[in-house]
Amino acid sequence: MKTNNFNLWLRLTVGSAIGAIIYHFSSGRKTEKLRKMVHMRNRIKESENKGEIYTLSANARR
């Protein structure tokens, strides 16, 4: 079981590294579109997190 678990993590790590390298160095239209989408989702998540923090702090003040 430990060997299978190790192989899984090794494959996930190598796959993620290869994907990150390809994403970083590719310069096509689809890649630019993907980058914009990723940045937009990150901004949305940040704004949701800030809103949640403000709500929690307002509730804590009550």
PDB file of N, CA and C in Angstrom:
ATOM      1  N   MET A   1       0.819  -1.193   0.000  1.00  0.00           N
ATOM      2  CA  MET A   1       0.000   0.000   0.000  1.00  0.00           C
ATOM      3  C   MET A   1       0.864   1.258   0.000  1.00  0.00           C
ATOM      4  N   LYS A   2       1.973   1.236   0.746  1.00  0.00           N
ATOM      5  CA  LYS A   2       2.837   2.409   0.809  1.00  0.00           C
ATOM      6  C   LYS A   2       3.469   2.703  -0.540  1.00  0.00           C
ATOM      7  N   THR A   3       3.818   1.665  -1.281  1.00  0.00           N
ATOM      8  CA  THR A   3       4.424   1.858  -2.594  1.00  0.00           C
ATOM      9  C   THR A   3       3.429   2.498  -3.550  1.00  0.00           C
ATOM     10  N   ASN A   4       2.184   2.044  -3.542  1.00  0.00           N
ATOM     11  CA  ASN A   4       1.163   2.626  -4.409  1.00  0.00           C
ATOM     12  C   ASN A   4       0.910   4.086  -4.054  1.00  0.00           C
ATOM     13  N   ASN A   5       0.891   4.382  -2.763  1.00  0.00           N
ATOM     14  CA  ASN A   5       0.679   5.750  -2.311  1.00  0.00           C
ATOM     15  C   ASN A   5       1.839   6.645  -2.756  1.00  0.00           C
ATOM     16  N   PHE A   6       3.060   6.136  -2.630  1.00  0.00           N
ATOM     17  CA  PHE A   6       4.238   6.888  -3.058  1.00  0.00           C
ATOM     18  C   PHE A   6       4.202   7.133  -4.563  1.00  0.00           C
ATOM     19  N   ASN A   7       3.847   6.111  -5.335  1.00  0.00           N
ATOM     20  CA  ASN A   7       3.770   6.261  -6.791  1.00  0.00           C
ATOM     21  C   ASN A   7       2.727   7.295  -7.187  1.00  0.00           C
ATOM     22  N   LEU A   8       1.610   7.319  -6.487  1.00  0.00           N
ATOM     23  CA  LEU A   8       0.563   8.300  -6.762  1.00  0.00           C
ATOM     24  C   LEU A   8       1.092   9.711  -6.543  1.00  0.00           C
ATOM     25  N   TRP A   9       1.716   9.938  -5.395  1.00  0.00           N
ATOM     26  CA  TRP A   9       2.240  11.272  -5.100  1.00  0.00           C
ATOM     27  C   TRP A   9       3.351  11.665  -6.060  1.00  0.00           C
ATOM     28  N   LEU A  10       4.168  10.715  -6.446  1.00  0.00           N
ATOM     29  CA  LEU A  10       5.235  10.996  -7.404  1.00  0.00           C
ATOM     30  C   LEU A  10       4.651  11.404  -8.750  1.00  0.00           C
ATOM     31  N   ARG A  11       3.652  10.675  -9.225  1.00  0.00           N
ATOM     32  CA  ARG A  11       3.012  11.016 -10.502  1.00  0.00           C
ATOM     33  C   ARG A  11       2.320  12.368 -10.434  1.00  0.00           C
ATOM     34  N   LEU A  12       1.641  12.653  -9.339  1.00  0.00           N
ATOM     35  CA  LEU A  12       0.972  13.944  -9.187  1.00  0.00           C
ATOM     36  C   LEU A  12       1.977  15.095  -9.177  1.00  0.00           C
ATOM     37  N   THR A  13       3.089  14.903  -8.488  1.00  0.00           N
ATOM     38  CA  THR A  13       4.110  15.944  -8.408  1.00  0.00           C
ATOM     39  C   THR A  13       4.747  16.196  -9.763  1.00  0.00           C
ATOM     40  N   VAL A  14       5.131  15.143 -10.444  1.00  0.00           N
ATOM     41  CA  VAL A  14       5.761  15.286 -11.759  1.00  0.00           C
ATOM     42  C   VAL A  14       4.774  15.883 -12.757  1.00  0.00           C
ATOM     43  N   GLY A  15       3.539  15.435 -12.741  1.00  0.00           N
ATOM     44  CA  GLY A  15       2.525  15.971 -13.646  1.00  0.00           C
ATOM     45  C   GLY A  15       2.259  17.442 -13.402  1.00  0.00           C
ATOM     46  N   SER A  16       2.210  17.831 -12.144  1.00  0.00           N
ATOM     47  CA  SER A  16       1.990  19.240 -11.811  1.00  0.00           C
ATOM     48  C   SER A  16       3.164  20.097 -12.259  1.00  0.00           C
ATOM     49  N   ALA A  17       4.370  19.605 -12.063  1.00  0.00           N
ATOM     50  CA  ALA A  17       5.556  20.359 -12.478  1.00  0.00           C
ATOM     51  C   ALA A  17       5.592  20.529 -13.992  1.00  0.00           C
ATOM     52  N   ILE A  18       5.311  19.471 -14.722  1.00  0.00           N
ATOM     53  CA  ILE A  18       5.300  19.552 -16.188  1.00  0.00           C
ATOM     54  C   ILE A  18       4.208  20.509 -16.653  1.00  0.00           C
ATOM     55  N   GLY A  19       3.038  20.423 -16.057  1.00  0.00           N
ATOM     56  CA  GLY A  19       1.946  21.325 -16.415  1.00  0.00           C
ATOM     57  C   GLY A  19       2.288  22.778 -16.148  1.00  0.00           C
ATOM     58  N   ALA A  20       2.939  23.046 -15.021  1.00  0.00           N
ATOM     59  CA  ALA A  20       3.324  24.422 -14.689  1.00  0.00           C
ATOM     60  C   ALA A  20       4.355  24.961 -15.670  1.00  0.00           C
ATOM     61  N   ILE A  21       5.299  24.125 -16.066  1.00  0.00           N
ATOM     62  CA  ILE A  21       6.323  24.558 -17.026  1.00  0.00           C
ATOM     63  C   ILE A  21       5.695  24.840 -18.384  1.00  0.00           C
ATOM     64  N   ILE A  22       4.841  23.964 -18.846  1.00  0.00           N
ATOM     65  CA  ILE A  22       4.177  24.167 -20.138  1.00  0.00           C
ATOM     66  C   ILE A  22       3.307  25.412 -20.093  1.00  0.00           C
ATOM     67  N   TYR A  23       2.576  25.603 -19.007  1.00  0.00           N
ATOM     68  CA  TYR A  23       1.711  26.776 -18.855  1.00  0.00           C
ATOM     69  C   TYR A  23       2.542  28.060 -18.872  1.00  0.00           C
ATOM     70  N   HIS A  24       3.707  28.029 -18.220  1.00  0.00           N
ATOM     71  CA  HIS A  24       4.548  29.224 -18.124  1.00  0.00           C
ATOM     72  C   HIS A  24       5.166  29.612 -19.461  1.00  0.00           C
ATOM     73  N   PHE A  25       5.599  28.637 -20.240  1.00  0.00           N
ATOM     74  CA  PHE A  25       6.343  28.939 -21.458  1.00  0.00           C
ATOM     75  C   PHE A  25       5.509  28.949 -22.731  1.00  0.00           C
ATOM     76  N   SER A  26       4.267  28.536 -22.679  1.00  0.00           N
ATOM     77  CA  SER A  26       3.459  28.547 -23.897  1.00  0.00           C
ATOM     78  C   SER A  26       2.899  29.946 -24.133  1.00  0.00           C
ATOM     79  N   SER A  27       2.698  30.286 -25.408  1.00  0.00           N
ATOM     80  CA  SER A  27       2.258  31.652 -25.716  1.00  0.00           C
ATOM     81  C   SER A  27       1.225  31.657 -26.837  1.00  0.00           C
ATOM     82  N   GLY A  28       0.217  30.866 -26.706  1.00  0.00           N
ATOM     83  CA  GLY A  28      -0.834  30.829 -27.710  1.00  0.00           C
ATOM     84  C   GLY A  28      -2.054  31.610 -27.261  1.00  0.00           C
ATOM     85  N   ARG A  29      -3.023  31.711 -28.135  1.00  0.00           N
ATOM     86  CA  ARG A  29      -4.262  32.416 -27.806  1.00  0.00           C
ATOM     87  C   ARG A  29      -5.013  31.727 -26.679  1.00  0.00           C
ATOM     88  N   LYS A  30      -5.060  30.412 -26.753  1.00  0.00           N
ATOM     89  CA  LYS A  30      -5.769  29.655 -25.721  1.00  0.00           C
ATOM     90  C   LYS A  30      -5.082  29.819 -24.365  1.00  0.00           C
ATOM     91  N   THR A  31      -3.760  29.888 -24.380  1.00  0.00           N
ATOM     92  CA  THR A  31      -3.021  30.049 -23.134  1.00  0.00           C
ATOM     93  C   THR A  31      -3.300  31.402 -22.509  1.00  0.00           C
ATOM     94  N   GLU A  32      -3.305  32.438 -23.325  1.00  0.00           N
ATOM     95  CA  GLU A  32      -3.602  33.772 -22.807  1.00  0.00           C
ATOM     96  C   GLU A  32      -5.014  33.819 -22.228  1.00  0.00           C
ATOM     97  N   LYS A  33      -5.940  33.170 -22.905  1.00  0.00           N
ATOM     98  CA  LYS A  33      -7.317  33.112 -22.428  1.00  0.00           C
ATOM     99  C   LYS A  33      -7.376  32.371 -21.088  1.00  0.00           C
ATOM    100  N   LEU A  34      -6.631  31.270 -20.989  1.00  0.00           N
ATOM    101  CA  LEU A  34      -6.587  30.497 -19.756  1.00  0.00           C
ATOM    102  C   LEU A  34      -5.977  31.317 -18.626  1.00  0.00           C
ATOM    103  N   ARG A  35      -4.891  32.027 -18.913  1.00  0.00           N
ATOM    104  CA  ARG A  35      -4.258  32.861 -17.888  1.00  0.00           C
ATOM    105  C   ARG A  35      -5.217  33.928 -17.377  1.00  0.00           C
ATOM    106  N   LYS A  36      -5.930  34.581 -18.290  1.00  0.00           N
ATOM    107  CA  LYS A  36      -6.889  35.608 -17.881  1.00  0.00           C
ATOM    108  C   LYS A  36      -7.982  35.006 -17.009  1.00  0.00           C
ATOM    109  N   MET A  37      -8.437  33.812 -17.380  1.00  0.00           N
ATOM    110  CA  MET A  37      -9.479  33.144 -16.610  1.00  0.00           C
ATOM    111  C   MET A  37      -8.975  32.803 -15.205  1.00  0.00           C
ATOM    112  N   VAL A  38      -7.740  32.311 -15.111  1.00  0.00           N
ATOM    113  CA  VAL A  38      -7.166  31.959 -13.813  1.00  0.00           C
ATOM    114  C   VAL A  38      -7.023  33.205 -12.945  1.00  0.00           C
ATOM    115  N   HIS A  39      -6.524  34.296 -13.531  1.00  0.00           N
ATOM    116  CA  HIS A  39      -6.376  35.535 -12.770  1.00  0.00           C
ATOM    117  C   HIS A  39      -7.729  36.062 -12.305  1.00  0.00           C
ATOM    118  N   MET A  40      -8.730  35.978 -13.168  1.00  0.00           N
ATOM    119  CA  MET A  40     -10.064  36.455 -12.810  1.00  0.00           C
ATOM    120  C   MET A  40     -10.640  35.632 -11.660  1.00  0.00           C
ATOM    121  N   ARG A  41     -10.470  34.326 -11.714  1.00  0.00           N
ATOM    122  CA  ARG A  41     -10.978  33.472 -10.629  1.00  0.00           C
ATOM    123  C   ARG A  41     -10.263  33.775  -9.321  1.00  0.00           C
ATOM    124  N   ASN A  42      -8.950  34.045  -9.400  1.00  0.00           N
ATOM    125  CA  ASN A  42      -8.213  34.397  -8.190  1.00  0.00           C
ATOM    126  C   ASN A  42      -8.730  35.702  -7.602  1.00  0.00           C
ATOM    127  N   ARG A  43      -9.021  36.678  -8.452  1.00  0.00           N
ATOM    128  CA  ARG A  43      -9.557  37.954  -7.970  1.00  0.00           C
ATOM    129  C   ARG A  43     -10.924  37.757  -7.331  1.00  0.00           C
ATOM    130  N   ILE A  44     -11.753  36.924  -7.942  1.00  0.00           N
ATOM    131  CA  ILE A  44     -13.080  36.658  -7.385  1.00  0.00           C
ATOM    132  C   ILE A  44     -12.945  35.998  -6.013  1.00  0.00           C
ATOM    133  N   LYS A  45     -12.053  35.021  -5.913  1.00  0.00           N
ATOM    134  CA  LYS A  45     -11.845  34.338  -4.633  1.00  0.00           C
ATOM    135  C   LYS A  45     -11.341  35.318  -3.579  1.00  0.00           C
ATOM    136  N   GLU A  46     -10.405  36.212  -3.965  1.00  0.00           N
ATOM    137  CA  GLU A  46      -9.881  37.188  -3.017  1.00  0.00           C
ATOM    138  C   GLU A  46     -10.989  38.105  -2.519  1.00  0.00           C
ATOM    139  N   SER A  47     -11.836  38.566  -3.432  1.00  0.00           N
ATOM    140  CA  SER A  47     -12.914  39.465  -3.013  1.00  0.00           C
ATOM    141  C   SER A  47     -13.926  38.733  -2.134  1.00  0.00           C
ATOM    142  N   GLU A  48     -14.194  37.465  -2.434  1.00  0.00           N
ATOM    143  CA  GLU A  48     -15.095  36.686  -1.580  1.00  0.00           C
ATOM    144  C   GLU A  48     -14.501  36.513  -0.188  1.00  0.00           C
ATOM    145  N   ASN A  49     -13.192  36.242  -0.142  1.00  0.00           N
ATOM    146  CA  ASN A  49     -12.532  36.066   1.152  1.00  0.00           C
ATOM    147  C   ASN A  49     -12.547  37.360   1.953  1.00  0.00           C
ATOM    148  N   LYS A  50     -12.293  38.495   1.288  1.00  0.00           N
ATOM    149  CA  LYS A  50     -12.313  39.777   1.988  1.00  0.00           C
ATOM    150  C   LYS A  50     -13.708  40.064   2.526  1.00  0.00           C
ATOM    151  N   GLY A  51     -14.727  39.794   1.711  1.00  0.00           N
ATOM    152  CA  GLY A  51     -16.099  39.999   2.165  1.00  0.00           C
ATOM    153  C   GLY A  51     -16.433  39.138   3.364  1.00  0.00           C
ATOM    154  N   GLU A  52     -15.963  37.908   3.342  1.00  0.00           N
ATOM    155  CA  GLU A  52     -16.214  37.000   4.460  1.00  0.00           C
ATOM    156  C   GLU A  52     -15.497  37.484   5.716  1.00  0.00           C
ATOM    157  N   ILE A  53     -14.277  37.981   5.559  1.00  0.00           N
ATOM    158  CA  ILE A  53     -13.522  38.492   6.707  1.00  0.00           C
ATOM    159  C   ILE A  53     -14.231  39.701   7.306  1.00  0.00           C
ATOM    160  N   TYR A  54     -14.688  40.614   6.448  1.00  0.00           N
ATOM    161  CA  TYR A  54     -15.400  41.793   6.941  1.00  0.00           C
ATOM    162  C   TYR A  54     -16.685  41.395   7.665  1.00  0.00           C
ATOM    163  N   THR A  55     -17.382  40.418   7.129  1.00  0.00           N
ATOM    164  CA  THR A  55     -18.613  39.952   7.769  1.00  0.00           C
ATOM    165  C   THR A  55     -18.317  39.342   9.130  1.00  0.00           C
ATOM    166  N   LEU A  56     -17.284  38.519   9.194  1.00  0.00           N
ATOM    167  CA  LEU A  56     -16.924  37.895  10.466  1.00  0.00           C
ATOM    168  C   LEU A  56     -16.485  38.935  11.488  1.00  0.00           C
ATOM    169  N   SER A  57     -15.706  39.931  11.051  1.00  0.00           N
ATOM    170  CA  SER A  57     -15.255  40.951  11.996  1.00  0.00           C
ATOM    171  C   SER A  57     -16.423  41.820  12.456  1.00  0.00           C
ATOM    172  N   ALA A  58     -17.378  42.097  11.565  1.00  0.00           N
ATOM    173  CA  ALA A  58     -18.557  42.874  11.957  1.00  0.00           C
ATOM    174  C   ALA A  58     -19.402  42.091  12.953  1.00  0.00           C
ATOM    175  N   ASN A  59     -19.524  40.803  12.733  1.00  0.00           N
ATOM    176  CA  ASN A  59     -20.288  39.963  13.664  1.00  0.00           C
ATOM    177  C   ASN A  59     -19.584  39.865  15.015  1.00  0.00           C
ATOM    178  N   ALA A  60     -18.263  39.868  15.007  1.00  0.00           N
ATOM    179  CA  ALA A  60     -17.508  39.775  16.255  1.00  0.00           C
ATOM    180  C   ALA A  60     -17.644  41.054  17.074  1.00  0.00           C
ATOM    181  N   ARG A  61     -17.839  42.180  16.413  1.00  0.00           N
ATOM    182  CA  ARG A  61     -17.980  43.457  17.123  1.00  0.00           C
ATOM    183  C   ARG A  61     -19.318  43.574  17.841  1.00  0.00           C
ATOM    184  N   ARG A  62     -20.301  42.834  17.396  1.00  0.00           N
ATOM    185  CA  ARG A  62     -21.647  42.934  17.990  1.00  0.00           C
ATOM    186  C   ARG A  62     -21.704  42.371  19.365  1.00  0.00           C
TER     187      ARG A  62
END
